[in-house]
Each structure stands twice: as structure tokens, then as C-alpha cells.
Amino acid sequence: MVDVAGKTSTHRVAIASGRIDMLASTLALIESGSAKKGDVLGIARIAGIQAAKKTSELIPLCHPLALTRVALEFSLHAAQGAAPAAVVCSATVETVGPTGVEMEALTAAQVALLTIYDMCKAVDRGMTINQVRLVEKHGGKSGSFIAA
């Protein structure tokens, strides 16, 4: 692991997002809350929060962090033209410490999307997870980053 002992503790925020494309009927199932496994987005939210908290156990050389906030938001997008139906996930993670929370935000978004896949795979095995990326980060010596 990188030695962060000499770094100043600052308020750090990272936002990551990603999407899962699916059939329109799968999106309707999620929207109606009638998936066999239960509340897809509610369970995906909890999974994302848990994942952010356990990032250092999943990713080698990540520091364990005391997170002060983890929030996941989902937006539902109906199919339009050639664009498939999709759920977009945005994960915001915050801490006050000597190292950033980018990996925690990325892990939260990815695991939330994987949870949606798991909960809906019985009706749509063709779902695809894509565009998982860091959207922005703030804090620390390197300052802010906002994706183009």
C-alpha cells in the first residue's frame, strides 16, 4: 500500500456512475416492483453501500477508510429508438481522510449494477453493464476532477 501517513486529511468526495441495458419488459418489472426476488433498486442500493464499505477487502492495496457518506441514486430510462431500456446508477462516496474515495464509488456503482443483473437474470440474461466510470472527485492534493 502507498504510505499516506504524511498526507493532510481533507474532505474527499467521489462520484461514479454506470448503466445496465435491458429489455423494456425488464425495466417495467423493476419499475412496478414485481420482480420475484423483491425490490430490485432497494436491494441494489444496500448492495452498493455494503460494497463501498468493503472495497479494501475486494481491491488489493486499497486502504480501509472510514466513510462518512455513501449514497446511490438510480434513474430509469425507457427504450428510445436504437437505445435500449436502462437503469443508470450514480454512487457518491465521502470521507475525511488522507486518501480519496474513487475506488469506493466505482465499487459501489458496479456492485449495485451487478445486483440488478442478479435479481433480473431469470427474465433477461442479455442485460449488459457498461459505462462504469469516475464522474468526478474533489479533495486532496490533486484537487478536483470532472469527467468530460
Protein backbone atom coordinates (compact mmCIF):
# COMPACT_ATOMS: atom_id res chain seq x y z
CA MET A 1 0.00 0.00 0.00
CA VAL A 2 1.04 3.58 -0.56
CA ASP A 3 2.08 5.37 2.63
CA VAL A 4 -0.48 8.14 3.25
CA ALA A 5 0.66 8.96 6.80
CA GLY A 6 2.13 12.30 5.77
CA LYS A 7 -0.88 13.42 3.75
CA THR A 8 -3.29 16.00 5.11
CA SER A 9 -6.77 14.83 6.00
CA THR A 10 -9.30 16.66 3.85
CA HIS A 11 -12.93 16.24 2.90
CA ARG A 12 -12.97 13.95 -0.12
CA VAL A 13 -15.86 13.15 -2.46
CA ALA A 14 -16.08 10.85 -5.46
CA ILE A 15 -18.99 10.17 -7.79
CA ALA A 16 -19.07 7.18 -10.12
CA SER A 17 -21.79 6.06 -12.48
CA GLY A 18 -22.68 3.23 -14.79
CA ARG A 19 -25.65 1.74 -16.59
CA ILE A 20 -27.26 -1.58 -17.21
CA ASP A 21 -29.07 -2.01 -20.51
CA MET A 22 -32.04 -4.36 -20.64
CA LEU A 23 -35.27 -5.30 -22.34
CA ALA A 24 -38.16 -2.87 -21.95
CA SER A 25 -40.10 -5.62 -20.18
CA THR A 26 -37.31 -5.99 -17.61
CA LEU A 27 -37.37 -2.27 -16.89
CA ALA A 28 -41.16 -2.46 -16.48
CA LEU A 29 -40.69 -5.29 -13.96
CA ILE A 30 -38.21 -3.20 -11.96
CA GLU A 31 -40.43 -0.11 -12.13
CA SER A 32 -43.52 -1.99 -10.98
CA GLY A 33 -41.69 -3.64 -8.09
CA SER A 34 -42.90 -7.07 -9.15
CA ALA A 35 -39.57 -8.90 -9.58
CA LYS A 36 -39.61 -12.33 -7.96
CA LYS A 37 -36.62 -11.51 -5.74
CA GLY A 38 -38.20 -8.29 -4.42
CA ASP A 39 -37.41 -4.59 -4.58
CA VAL A 40 -34.61 -4.54 -7.16
CA LEU A 41 -33.47 -0.94 -6.67
CA GLY A 42 -33.79 -1.03 -2.88
CA ILE A 43 -31.64 -4.15 -2.65
CA ALA A 44 -29.17 -2.79 -5.23
CA ARG A 45 -28.83 0.38 -3.11
CA ILE A 46 -27.96 -1.66 0.00
CA ALA A 47 -25.53 -3.82 -2.01
CA GLY A 48 -23.76 -0.72 -3.31
CA ILE A 49 -23.43 0.73 0.19
CA GLN A 50 -22.04 -2.56 1.51
CA ALA A 51 -19.61 -2.76 -1.41
CA ALA A 52 -18.27 0.75 -0.77
CA LYS A 53 -17.63 -0.20 2.86
CA LYS A 54 -15.80 -3.39 1.84
CA THR A 55 -13.73 -2.03 -1.05
CA SER A 56 -10.42 -2.54 0.77
CA GLU A 57 -11.30 -6.23 1.18
CA LEU A 58 -12.01 -6.60 -2.55
CA ILE A 59 -9.31 -4.48 -4.22
CA PRO A 60 -5.71 -5.28 -3.28
CA LEU A 61 -3.73 -2.38 -1.83
CA CYS A 62 -6.77 -0.16 -1.19
CA HIS A 63 -6.72 1.50 2.22
CA PRO A 64 -9.61 0.74 4.58
CA LEU A 65 -11.45 4.03 5.01
CA ALA A 66 -13.91 5.47 7.50
CA LEU A 67 -16.63 6.57 5.10
CA THR A 68 -18.85 9.44 6.19
CA ARG A 69 -21.45 9.08 3.41
CA VAL A 70 -22.46 6.60 0.73
CA ALA A 71 -25.48 7.41 -1.44
CA LEU A 72 -26.78 5.66 -4.53
CA GLU A 73 -29.31 7.08 -6.95
CA PHE A 74 -30.99 5.27 -9.82
CA SER A 75 -32.68 6.68 -12.88
CA LEU A 76 -34.85 4.62 -15.20
CA HIS A 77 -34.66 5.18 -18.94
CA ALA A 78 -37.23 3.79 -21.35
CA ALA A 79 -36.06 2.45 -24.69
CA GLN A 80 -35.88 5.20 -27.32
CA GLY A 81 -35.12 4.41 -30.94
CA ALA A 82 -31.99 2.25 -31.05
CA ALA A 83 -31.18 2.94 -27.39
CA PRO A 84 -32.26 0.10 -25.10
CA ALA A 85 -34.09 0.47 -21.81
CA ALA A 86 -31.65 1.05 -18.97
CA VAL A 87 -31.09 1.78 -15.32
CA VAL A 88 -28.36 4.32 -14.61
CA CYS A 89 -26.70 4.19 -11.19
CA SER A 90 -24.81 7.07 -9.59
CA ALA A 91 -22.79 6.43 -6.43
CA THR A 92 -21.49 9.25 -4.23
CA VAL A 93 -18.96 8.44 -1.51
CA GLU A 94 -17.42 10.83 1.02
CA THR A 95 -14.80 10.71 3.76
CA VAL A 96 -12.48 12.98 5.70
CA GLY A 97 -9.03 11.49 5.45
CA PRO A 98 -5.63 11.32 3.76
CA THR A 99 -6.70 9.37 0.66
CA GLY A 100 -9.52 9.53 -1.86
CA VAL A 101 -12.70 7.50 -2.29
CA GLU A 102 -12.69 6.94 -6.05
CA MET A 103 -12.37 3.16 -5.72
CA GLU A 104 -15.20 3.05 -3.20
CA ALA A 105 -17.52 4.98 -5.53
CA LEU A 106 -16.61 2.80 -8.52
CA THR A 107 -17.09 -0.38 -6.49
CA ALA A 108 -20.45 0.80 -5.16
CA ALA A 109 -21.77 1.58 -8.65
CA GLN A 110 -20.52 -1.68 -10.16
CA VAL A 111 -21.88 -3.90 -7.38
CA ALA A 112 -25.24 -2.14 -7.46
CA LEU A 113 -25.46 -2.85 -11.20
CA LEU A 114 -24.37 -6.46 -10.67
CA THR A 115 -27.14 -6.80 -8.09
CA ILE A 116 -29.70 -5.57 -10.61
CA TYR A 117 -28.37 -8.18 -13.04
CA ASP A 118 -28.61 -10.92 -10.43
CA MET A 119 -32.14 -10.00 -9.44
CA CYS A 120 -33.39 -9.87 -13.05
CA LYS A 121 -31.31 -12.52 -14.82
CA ALA A 122 -34.14 -15.06 -14.74
CA VAL A 123 -36.12 -12.87 -17.15
CA ASP A 124 -33.29 -11.18 -19.11
CA ARG A 125 -29.86 -12.82 -19.39
CA GLY A 126 -28.91 -10.38 -22.17
CA MET A 127 -28.52 -7.37 -19.88
CA THR A 128 -25.21 -5.55 -20.28
CA ILE A 129 -23.38 -3.43 -17.75
CA ASN A 130 -21.39 -0.60 -19.30
CA GLN A 131 -20.06 2.92 -18.99
CA VAL A 132 -18.89 2.46 -15.40
CA ARG A 133 -16.61 5.41 -14.75
CA LEU A 134 -15.47 8.07 -12.35
CA VAL A 135 -17.63 11.13 -12.99
CA GLU A 136 -15.97 13.49 -10.55
CA LYS A 137 -13.82 13.71 -7.46
CA HIS A 138 -12.95 16.53 -5.08
CA GLY A 139 -10.42 16.95 -2.28
CA GLY A 140 -6.82 16.14 -1.61
CA LYS A 141 -3.64 17.48 -3.14
CA SER A 142 -4.73 16.78 -6.71
CA GLY A 143 -7.88 18.88 -6.25
CA SER A 144 -10.92 18.29 -8.40
CA PHE A 145 -11.57 16.15 -11.45
CA ILE A 146 -14.72 16.31 -13.56
CA ALA A 147 -15.04 13.92 -16.49
CA ALA A 148 -15.59 15.44 -19.88
